[in-house]
Amino acid sequence: MEATAVSADGTGIAITRTGSGPPVVLVDGAMCHREFGPSADLAARLAPDFTVHAYDRRGRGGSGDSAPYAVEREVDDLRAVIAAAGGSACVYGVSSGGILALEAAARGAAIDRLAVFEPPLPGPGLAGDAAAELAPRLAALVADDRRGEAVELFQTSIGVPQEMVTSMRGAPFRPGLEAIAHTLVYDLTVTGAALPGRYASVAAPALVLRSEDTSAGLAASARALAEAVPGALLRALPGHFHEVAPEELAPVIAAFFKG
């Protein structure tokens, strides 16, 4: 079922609902939306037990946008999706989407339980000074309509091996990545503002997930976050760099959301 939530600034946020049960909201990371990325598979695996709400973050897919960009606007978007889901929900966020979910929880959003996967906090990931330096370079490339270069700059900056970057140039999903290249600046803005101490006020029960074979930096980031959020659990799952298969994630997330 397709739906639209209206954010505080009037921006329409496109949502796909699947399944039946308590509401769950999925928050994508960089370069992902409802039509590209792991959310659709994960939603299908959670649908037997939950009503899953996957949405396009602003500037992506079927959602609108409004300038200037601000993290607060994306927090408002998530609040609007939660409201459309019934007023409160369990939330799962990936990478920068995990930081966005943490920001919303810290600001009092109606999040019942919160699970995040490898949010890149300052130091081990792209954040702070690194994000501040990279964001204008990406924005300039997009403004010059060099979106492919922007995508590759972002990929190499987060540690994607050069051979993978090269192999993806001719991939069928490449045009989709270039279409949302402008939102990479949004993701850098989200990660650049993240500090573990900001999340000491998160009241929702929280689960921090990482891959067993992720980078040392992202593993350290997950550990720092689990220590910062009161009572948070930390769990490593079989996987690769910044990735765990939906069939591994779904049962863990479902069990945590069921309490």
C-alpha atoms as a PDB file:
ATOM      1  CA  MET A   1       0.000   0.000   0.000  1.00  0.00           C
ATOM      2  CA  GLU A   2       1.312   3.417  -0.996  1.00  0.00           C
ATOM      3  CA  ALA A   3       0.836   6.476   1.195  1.00  0.00           C
ATOM      4  CA  THR A   4       2.197   9.988   1.651  1.00  0.00           C
ATOM      5  CA  ALA A   5       3.053  11.703   4.917  1.00  0.00           C
ATOM      6  CA  VAL A   6       3.319  15.483   5.018  1.00  0.00           C
ATOM      7  CA  SER A   7       6.307  16.825   6.918  1.00  0.00           C
ATOM      8  CA  ALA A   8       6.285  19.976   9.023  1.00  0.00           C
ATOM      9  CA  ASP A   9       7.537  22.112   6.109  1.00  0.00           C
ATOM     10  CA  GLY A  10       4.889  20.716   3.750  1.00  0.00           C
ATOM     11  CA  THR A  11       7.171  18.262   1.953  1.00  0.00           C
ATOM     12  CA  GLY A  12       5.487  15.041   0.871  1.00  0.00           C
ATOM     13  CA  ILE A  13       7.221  11.868   2.049  1.00  0.00           C
ATOM     14  CA  ALA A  14       6.411   8.718   0.056  1.00  0.00           C
ATOM     15  CA  ILE A  15       5.744   5.554   2.073  1.00  0.00           C
ATOM     16  CA  THR A  16       5.167   1.896   1.216  1.00  0.00           C
ATOM     17  CA  ARG A  17       3.298  -0.170   3.824  1.00  0.00           C
ATOM     18  CA  THR A  18       3.541  -3.953   3.929  1.00  0.00           C
ATOM     19  CA  GLY A  19       2.516  -6.615   6.407  1.00  0.00           C
ATOM     20  CA  SER A  20       0.324  -6.659   9.470  1.00  0.00           C
ATOM     21  CA  GLY A  21       1.115  -6.077  13.116  1.00  0.00           C
ATOM     22  CA  PRO A  22       2.785  -3.425  15.279  1.00  0.00           C
ATOM     23  CA  PRO A  23       4.289  -0.582  13.224  1.00  0.00           C
ATOM     24  CA  VAL A  24       7.945  -0.576  12.180  1.00  0.00           C
ATOM     25  CA  VAL A  25       9.662   2.225  10.247  1.00  0.00           C
ATOM     26  CA  LEU A  26      12.789   1.603   8.137  1.00  0.00           C
ATOM     27  CA  VAL A  27      15.242   4.484   7.583  1.00  0.00           C
ATOM     28  CA  ASP A  28      17.682   4.049   4.688  1.00  0.00           C
ATOM     29  CA  GLY A  29      21.295   5.129   4.504  1.00  0.00           C
ATOM     30  CA  ALA A  30      23.122   6.932   1.692  1.00  0.00           C
ATOM     31  CA  MET A  31      22.313   6.116  -1.949  1.00  0.00           C
ATOM     32  CA  CYS A  32      19.295   3.988  -0.979  1.00  0.00           C
ATOM     33  CA  HIS A  33      15.527   4.394  -1.184  1.00  0.00           C
ATOM     34  CA  ARG A  34      12.464   2.165  -1.506  1.00  0.00           C
ATOM     35  CA  GLU A  35      13.347   1.033  -5.037  1.00  0.00           C
ATOM     36  CA  PHE A  36      17.049   0.490  -4.432  1.00  0.00           C
ATOM     37  CA  GLY A  37      18.772  -1.000  -1.436  1.00  0.00           C
ATOM     38  CA  PRO A  38      18.042  -3.608   1.216  1.00  0.00           C
ATOM     39  CA  SER A  39      14.797  -2.175   2.610  1.00  0.00           C
ATOM     40  CA  ALA A  40      12.377  -4.017   0.317  1.00  0.00           C
ATOM     41  CA  ASP A  41      13.843  -7.430   1.148  1.00  0.00           C
ATOM     42  CA  LEU A  42      14.011  -6.639   4.853  1.00  0.00           C
ATOM     43  CA  ALA A  43      10.440  -5.315   4.831  1.00  0.00           C
ATOM     44  CA  ALA A  44       9.199  -8.537   3.227  1.00  0.00           C
ATOM     45  CA  ARG A  45      10.919 -10.598   5.920  1.00  0.00           C
ATOM     46  CA  LEU A  46       9.461  -8.494   8.741  1.00  0.00           C
ATOM     47  CA  ALA A  47       5.975  -8.265   7.214  1.00  0.00           C
ATOM     48  CA  PRO A  48       4.596 -11.501   8.746  1.00  0.00           C
ATOM     49  CA  ASP A  49       4.917  -9.949  12.214  1.00  0.00           C
ATOM     50  CA  PHE A  50       4.795  -6.175  11.666  1.00  0.00           C
ATOM     51  CA  THR A  51       3.261  -3.448   9.546  1.00  0.00           C
ATOM     52  CA  VAL A  52       6.441  -2.177   7.922  1.00  0.00           C
ATOM     53  CA  HIS A  53       6.716   1.407   6.690  1.00  0.00           C
ATOM     54  CA  ALA A  54       9.568   1.957   4.216  1.00  0.00           C
ATOM     55  CA  TYR A  55       9.897   5.537   3.045  1.00  0.00           C
ATOM     56  CA  ASP A  56      11.956   7.624   0.654  1.00  0.00           C
ATOM     57  CA  ARG A  57      14.030  10.149   2.528  1.00  0.00           C
ATOM     58  CA  ARG A  58      13.615  13.677   1.179  1.00  0.00           C
ATOM     59  CA  GLY A  59      15.103  14.291  -2.243  1.00  0.00           C
ATOM     60  CA  ARG A  60      14.881  10.604  -3.176  1.00  0.00           C
ATOM     61  CA  GLY A  61      12.442   8.472  -5.129  1.00  0.00           C
ATOM     62  CA  GLY A  62       8.859   9.595  -4.679  1.00  0.00           C
ATOM     63  CA  SER A  63       9.470  12.107  -1.881  1.00  0.00           C
ATOM     64  CA  GLY A  64       9.711  15.846  -2.302  1.00  0.00           C
ATOM     65  CA  ASP A  65      12.373  18.229  -1.086  1.00  0.00           C
ATOM     66  CA  SER A  66      12.688  21.765   0.212  1.00  0.00           C
ATOM     67  CA  ALA A  67      15.698  24.051   0.495  1.00  0.00           C
ATOM     68  CA  PRO A  68      17.714  24.718   2.502  1.00  0.00           C
ATOM     69  CA  TYR A  69      18.557  21.253   3.780  1.00  0.00           C
ATOM     70  CA  ALA A  70      18.719  20.754   7.550  1.00  0.00           C
ATOM     71  CA  VAL A  71      18.903  17.686   9.756  1.00  0.00           C
ATOM     72  CA  GLU A  72      15.874  19.050  11.608  1.00  0.00           C
ATOM     73  CA  ARG A  73      13.812  18.740   8.429  1.00  0.00           C
ATOM     74  CA  GLU A  74      14.706  15.051   8.121  1.00  0.00           C
ATOM     75  CA  VAL A  75      13.858  14.512  11.782  1.00  0.00           C
ATOM     76  CA  ASP A  76      10.492  16.118  11.047  1.00  0.00           C
ATOM     77  CA  ASP A  77      10.080  13.764   8.077  1.00  0.00           C
ATOM     78  CA  LEU A  78      10.642  10.747  10.311  1.00  0.00           C
ATOM     79  CA  ARG A  79       8.196  12.150  12.856  1.00  0.00           C
ATOM     80  CA  ALA A  80       5.607  12.482  10.079  1.00  0.00           C
ATOM     81  CA  VAL A  81       6.126   8.877   8.975  1.00  0.00           C
ATOM     82  CA  ILE A  82       5.801   7.680  12.575  1.00  0.00           C
ATOM     83  CA  ALA A  83       2.589   9.688  12.912  1.00  0.00           C
ATOM     84  CA  ALA A  84       1.260   8.107   9.721  1.00  0.00           C
ATOM     85  CA  ALA A  85       2.183   4.695  11.124  1.00  0.00           C
ATOM     86  CA  GLY A  86      -0.156   5.242  14.056  1.00  0.00           C
ATOM     87  CA  GLY A  87       1.563   7.679  16.407  1.00  0.00           C
ATOM     88  CA  SER A  88       4.494   5.584  17.614  1.00  0.00           C
ATOM     89  CA  ALA A  89       6.652   2.858  16.096  1.00  0.00           C
ATOM     90  CA  CYS A  90       9.751   0.738  16.368  1.00  0.00           C
ATOM     91  CA  VAL A  91      12.455   2.177  14.112  1.00  0.00           C
ATOM     92  CA  TYR A  92      15.386   0.557  12.305  1.00  0.00           C
ATOM     93  CA  GLY A  93      17.988   2.846  10.731  1.00  0.00           C
ATOM     94  CA  VAL A  94      20.970   1.967   8.537  1.00  0.00           C
ATOM     95  CA  SER A  95      24.226   3.967   8.516  1.00  0.00           C
ATOM     96  CA  SER A  96      23.324   7.670   8.208  1.00  0.00           C
ATOM     97  CA  GLY A  97      19.699   6.575   8.579  1.00  0.00           C
ATOM     98  CA  GLY A  98      20.688   5.154  11.955  1.00  0.00           C
ATOM     99  CA  ILE A  99      22.097   8.515  12.997  1.00  0.00           C
ATOM    100  CA  LEU A 100      18.904  10.181  11.794  1.00  0.00           C
ATOM    101  CA  ALA A 101      16.852   7.756  13.903  1.00  0.00           C
ATOM    102  CA  LEU A 102      19.082   8.479  16.910  1.00  0.00           C
ATOM    103  CA  GLU A 103      18.635  12.215  16.388  1.00  0.00           C
ATOM    104  CA  ALA A 104      14.870  11.756  16.314  1.00  0.00           C
ATOM    105  CA  ALA A 105      14.909   9.613  19.454  1.00  0.00           C
ATOM    106  CA  ALA A 106      17.112  12.109  21.290  1.00  0.00           C
ATOM    107  CA  ARG A 107      14.665  14.872  20.354  1.00  0.00           C
ATOM    108  CA  GLY A 108      11.703  13.008  21.791  1.00  0.00           C
ATOM    109  CA  ALA A 109      10.174  11.316  18.746  1.00  0.00           C
ATOM    110  CA  ALA A 110       7.655   8.583  19.591  1.00  0.00           C
ATOM    111  CA  ILE A 111      10.018   5.645  19.057  1.00  0.00           C
ATOM    112  CA  ASP A 112       9.081   2.523  21.019  1.00  0.00           C
ATOM    113  CA  ARG A 113      12.269   0.555  20.329  1.00  0.00           C
ATOM    114  CA  LEU A 114      15.280   1.551  18.245  1.00  0.00           C
ATOM    115  CA  ALA A 115      17.706  -0.603  16.247  1.00  0.00           C
ATOM    116  CA  VAL A 116      20.577   0.883  14.246  1.00  0.00           C
ATOM    117  CA  PHE A 117      23.180  -0.642  11.949  1.00  0.00           C
ATOM    118  CA  GLU A 118      26.712   0.788  11.846  1.00  0.00           C
ATOM    119  CA  PRO A 119      26.007   4.506  12.200  1.00  0.00           C
ATOM    120  CA  PRO A 120      29.289   6.284  11.300  1.00  0.00           C
ATOM    121  CA  LEU A 121      30.112   8.514  14.258  1.00  0.00           C
ATOM    122  CA  PRO A 122      32.919  11.117  14.236  1.00  0.00           C
ATOM    123  CA  GLY A 123      36.416   9.726  14.117  1.00  0.00           C
ATOM    124  CA  PRO A 124      35.910   6.214  12.755  1.00  0.00           C
ATOM    125  CA  GLY A 125      33.569   7.211   9.944  1.00  0.00           C
ATOM    126  CA  LEU A 126      32.903  10.075   7.569  1.00  0.00           C
ATOM    127  CA  ALA A 127      31.973  12.815   9.972  1.00  0.00           C
ATOM    128  CA  GLY A 128      33.156  16.023  11.534  1.00  0.00           C
ATOM    129  CA  ASP A 129      35.989  17.712   9.616  1.00  0.00           C
ATOM    130  CA  ALA A 130      36.052  15.007   6.924  1.00  0.00           C
ATOM    131  CA  ALA A 131      32.371  15.505   6.137  1.00  0.00           C
ATOM    132  CA  ALA A 132      32.752  19.292   6.190  1.00  0.00           C
ATOM    133  CA  GLU A 133      35.575  19.062   3.647  1.00  0.00           C
ATOM    134  CA  LEU A 134      33.866  16.552   1.364  1.00  0.00           C
ATOM    135  CA  ALA A 135      30.366  18.050   1.267  1.00  0.00           C
ATOM    136  CA  PRO A 136      31.236  21.170  -0.788  1.00  0.00           C
ATOM    137  CA  ARG A 137      33.224  19.055  -3.261  1.00  0.00           C
ATOM    138  CA  LEU A 138      30.215  16.801  -3.796  1.00  0.00           C
ATOM    139  CA  ALA A 139      27.880  19.784  -4.098  1.00  0.00           C
ATOM    140  CA  ALA A 140      30.147  21.355  -6.728  1.00  0.00           C
ATOM    141  CA  LEU A 141      30.235  18.160  -8.785  1.00  0.00           C
ATOM    142  CA  VAL A 142      26.445  17.870  -8.692  1.00  0.00           C
ATOM    143  CA  ALA A 143      26.069  21.545  -9.641  1.00  0.00           C
ATOM    144  CA  ASP A 144      28.319  20.884 -12.671  1.00  0.00           C
ATOM    145  CA  ASP A 145      26.137  17.867 -13.585  1.00  0.00           C
ATOM    146  CA  ARG A 146      29.043  15.513 -12.864  1.00  0.00           C
ATOM    147  CA  ARG A 147      26.887  13.223 -10.784  1.00  0.00           C
ATOM    148  CA  GLY A 148      28.805  10.081 -11.647  1.00  0.00           C
ATOM    149  CA  GLU A 149      31.984  11.633 -10.303  1.00  0.00           C
ATOM    150  CA  ALA A 150      30.132  12.666  -7.150  1.00  0.00           C
ATOM    151  CA  VAL A 151      28.946   9.100  -6.602  1.00  0.00           C
ATOM    152  CA  GLU A 152      32.459   7.719  -7.043  1.00  0.00           C
ATOM    153  CA  LEU A 153      34.034  10.349  -4.793  1.00  0.00           C
ATOM    154  CA  PHE A 154      31.601   9.420  -2.045  1.00  0.00           C
ATOM    155  CA  GLN A 155      32.158   5.698  -2.552  1.00  0.00           C
ATOM    156  CA  THR A 156      35.949   5.928  -2.374  1.00  0.00           C
ATOM    157  CA  SER A 157      35.748   8.258   0.616  1.00  0.00           C
ATOM    158  CA  ILE A 158      33.825   5.697   2.671  1.00  0.00           C
ATOM    159  CA  GLY A 159      36.248   2.912   1.819  1.00  0.00           C
ATOM    160  CA  VAL A 160      34.650   1.132  -1.140  1.00  0.00           C
ATOM    161  CA  PRO A 161      37.523  -0.644  -2.951  1.00  0.00           C
ATOM    162  CA  GLN A 162      38.463   0.968  -6.267  1.00  0.00           C
ATOM    163  CA  GLU A 163      37.792  -2.233  -8.214  1.00  0.00           C
ATOM    164  CA  MET A 164      34.214  -2.234  -6.903  1.00  0.00           C
ATOM    165  CA  VAL A 165      33.779   1.446  -7.758  1.00  0.00           C
ATOM    166  CA  THR A 166      34.979   0.747 -11.298  1.00  0.00           C
ATOM    167  CA  SER A 167      32.804  -2.347 -11.705  1.00  0.00           C
ATOM    168  CA  MET A 168      29.660  -0.423 -10.730  1.00  0.00           C
ATOM    169  CA  ARG A 169      30.038   2.142 -13.521  1.00  0.00           C
ATOM    170  CA  GLY A 170      28.117  -0.030 -15.960  1.00  0.00           C
ATOM    171  CA  ALA A 171      25.694  -1.529 -13.451  1.00  0.00           C
ATOM    172  CA  PRO A 172      21.969  -1.240 -14.243  1.00  0.00           C
ATOM    173  CA  PHE A 173      21.401   0.593 -10.961  1.00  0.00           C
ATOM    174  CA  ARG A 174      24.058   3.251 -11.658  1.00  0.00           C
ATOM    175  CA  PRO A 175      21.607   5.813 -13.154  1.00  0.00           C
ATOM    176  CA  GLY A 176      19.551   5.547  -9.984  1.00  0.00           C
ATOM    177  CA  LEU A 177      22.585   6.378  -7.863  1.00  0.00           C
ATOM    178  CA  GLU A 178      23.382   9.394 -10.000  1.00  0.00           C
ATOM    179  CA  ALA A 179      19.776  10.604  -9.803  1.00  0.00           C
ATOM    180  CA  ILE A 180      20.051  11.021  -6.025  1.00  0.00           C
ATOM    181  CA  ALA A 181      23.697  12.139  -5.900  1.00  0.00           C
ATOM    182  CA  HIS A 182      22.633  15.521  -4.495  1.00  0.00           C
ATOM    183  CA  THR A 183      21.410  13.778  -1.334  1.00  0.00           C
ATOM    184  CA  LEU A 184      24.928  12.593  -0.515  1.00  0.00           C
ATOM    185  CA  VAL A 185      25.501  16.090   0.853  1.00  0.00           C
ATOM    186  CA  TYR A 186      22.467  15.526   3.093  1.00  0.00           C
ATOM    187  CA  ASP A 187      23.979  12.303   4.437  1.00  0.00           C
ATOM    188  CA  LEU A 188      27.263  14.059   5.171  1.00  0.00           C
ATOM    189  CA  THR A 189      25.372  16.774   7.025  1.00  0.00           C
ATOM    190  CA  VAL A 190      23.680  14.128   9.163  1.00  0.00           C
ATOM    191  CA  THR A 191      26.888  12.257   9.956  1.00  0.00           C
ATOM    192  CA  GLY A 192      28.889  15.435  10.457  1.00  0.00           C
ATOM    193  CA  ALA A 193      26.619  16.472  13.325  1.00  0.00           C
ATOM    194  CA  ALA A 194      26.763  13.127  15.134  1.00  0.00           C
ATOM    195  CA  LEU A 195      28.481  12.868  18.502  1.00  0.00           C
ATOM    196  CA  PRO A 196      28.006   9.928  20.891  1.00  0.00           C
ATOM    197  CA  GLY A 197      27.244  12.231  23.814  1.00  0.00           C
ATOM    198  CA  ARG A 198      24.212  13.607  21.994  1.00  0.00           C
ATOM    199  CA  TYR A 199      22.450  10.283  22.431  1.00  0.00           C
ATOM    200  CA  ALA A 200      22.680   9.886  26.195  1.00  0.00           C
ATOM    201  CA  SER A 201      19.104  11.175  26.337  1.00  0.00           C
ATOM    202  CA  VAL A 202      17.693   8.367  24.157  1.00  0.00           C
ATOM    203  CA  ALA A 203      15.048   6.710  26.320  1.00  0.00           C
ATOM    204  CA  ALA A 204      13.891   3.966  23.954  1.00  0.00           C
ATOM    205  CA  PRO A 205      15.396   0.486  24.343  1.00  0.00           C
ATOM    206  CA  ALA A 206      18.184   0.376  21.759  1.00  0.00           C
ATOM    207  CA  LEU A 207      20.085  -2.271  19.808  1.00  0.00           C
ATOM    208  CA  VAL A 208      23.305  -1.437  17.952  1.00  0.00           C
ATOM    209  CA  LEU A 209      24.228  -3.867  15.174  1.00  0.00           C
ATOM    210  CA  ARG A 210      27.398  -4.312  13.161  1.00  0.00           C
ATOM    211  CA  SER A 211      28.892  -6.812  10.754  1.00  0.00           C
ATOM    212  CA  GLU A 212      31.524  -9.202  12.067  1.00  0.00           C
ATOM    213  CA  ASP A 213      33.734  -8.304   9.086  1.00  0.00           C
ATOM    214  CA  THR A 214      33.159  -4.562   8.906  1.00  0.00           C
ATOM    215  CA  SER A 215      35.987  -2.034   9.138  1.00  0.00           C
ATOM    216  CA  ALA A 216      37.747  -1.449  12.443  1.00  0.00           C
ATOM    217  CA  GLY A 217      36.482   2.121  12.391  1.00  0.00           C
ATOM    218  CA  LEU A 218      32.823   1.206  12.005  1.00  0.00           C
ATOM    219  CA  ALA A 219      33.182  -1.483  14.664  1.00  0.00           C
ATOM    220  CA  ALA A 220      34.622   1.135  17.027  1.00  0.00           C
ATOM    221  CA  SER A 221      31.789   3.497  16.114  1.00  0.00           C
ATOM    222  CA  ALA A 222      29.184   0.860  17.003  1.00  0.00           C
ATOM    223  CA  ARG A 223      30.922   0.171  20.292  1.00  0.00           C
ATOM    224  CA  ALA A 224      31.096   3.878  21.184  1.00  0.00           C
ATOM    225  CA  LEU A 225      27.417   4.319  20.432  1.00  0.00           C
ATOM    226  CA  ALA A 226      26.408   1.294  22.510  1.00  0.00           C
ATOM    227  CA  GLU A 227      28.343   2.778  25.414  1.00  0.00           C
ATOM    228  CA  ALA A 228      26.737   6.208  24.950  1.00  0.00           C
ATOM    229  CA  VAL A 229      23.068   5.168  24.773  1.00  0.00           C
ATOM    230  CA  PRO A 230      21.789   4.090  28.205  1.00  0.00           C
ATOM    231  CA  GLY A 231      21.150   0.347  28.327  1.00  0.00           C
ATOM    232  CA  ALA A 232      21.912  -0.205  24.646  1.00  0.00           C
ATOM    233  CA  LEU A 233      22.761  -3.704  23.453  1.00  0.00           C
ATOM    234  CA  LEU A 234      25.582  -4.373  20.980  1.00  0.00           C
ATOM    235  CA  ARG A 235      25.570  -7.353  18.636  1.00  0.00           C
ATOM    236  CA  ALA A 236      27.782  -8.450  15.742  1.00  0.00           C
ATOM    237  CA  LEU A 237      26.255 -10.490  12.907  1.00  0.00           C
ATOM    238  CA  PRO A 238      27.826 -12.455  10.042  1.00  0.00           C
ATOM    239  CA  GLY A 239      28.449 -10.126   7.117  1.00  0.00           C
ATOM    240  CA  HIS A 240      30.877  -7.991   5.170  1.00  0.00           C
ATOM    241  CA  PHE A 241      32.036  -4.369   5.109  1.00  0.00           C
ATOM    242  CA  HIS A 242      29.024  -2.268   6.149  1.00  0.00           C
ATOM    243  CA  GLU A 243      26.614  -5.028   5.137  1.00  0.00           C
ATOM    244  CA  VAL A 244      24.638  -7.881   6.674  1.00  0.00           C
ATOM    245  CA  ALA A 245      22.201  -9.911   4.577  1.00  0.00           C
ATOM    246  CA  PRO A 246      18.487  -9.342   5.271  1.00  0.00           C
ATOM    247  CA  GLU A 247      18.020 -13.009   6.170  1.00  0.00           C
ATOM    248  CA  GLU A 248      20.527 -12.516   9.006  1.00  0.00           C
ATOM    249  CA  LEU A 249      19.131  -9.160  10.110  1.00  0.00           C
ATOM    250  CA  ALA A 250      15.396  -9.830  10.044  1.00  0.00           C
ATOM    251  CA  PRO A 251      15.112 -12.414  12.856  1.00  0.00           C
ATOM    252  CA  VAL A 252      17.373 -10.376  15.136  1.00  0.00           C
ATOM    253  CA  ILE A 253      15.451  -7.156  14.544  1.00  0.00           C
ATOM    254  CA  ALA A 254      12.093  -8.926  14.888  1.00  0.00           C
ATOM    255  CA  ALA A 255      13.056 -10.525  18.199  1.00  0.00           C
ATOM    256  CA  PHE A 256      14.273  -7.200  19.584  1.00  0.00           C
ATOM    257  CA  PHE A 257      11.186  -5.285  18.463  1.00  0.00           C
ATOM    258  CA  LYS A 258       8.929  -7.910  20.033  1.00  0.00           C
ATOM    259  CA  GLY A 259      10.713  -7.287  23.333  1.00  0.00           C
END
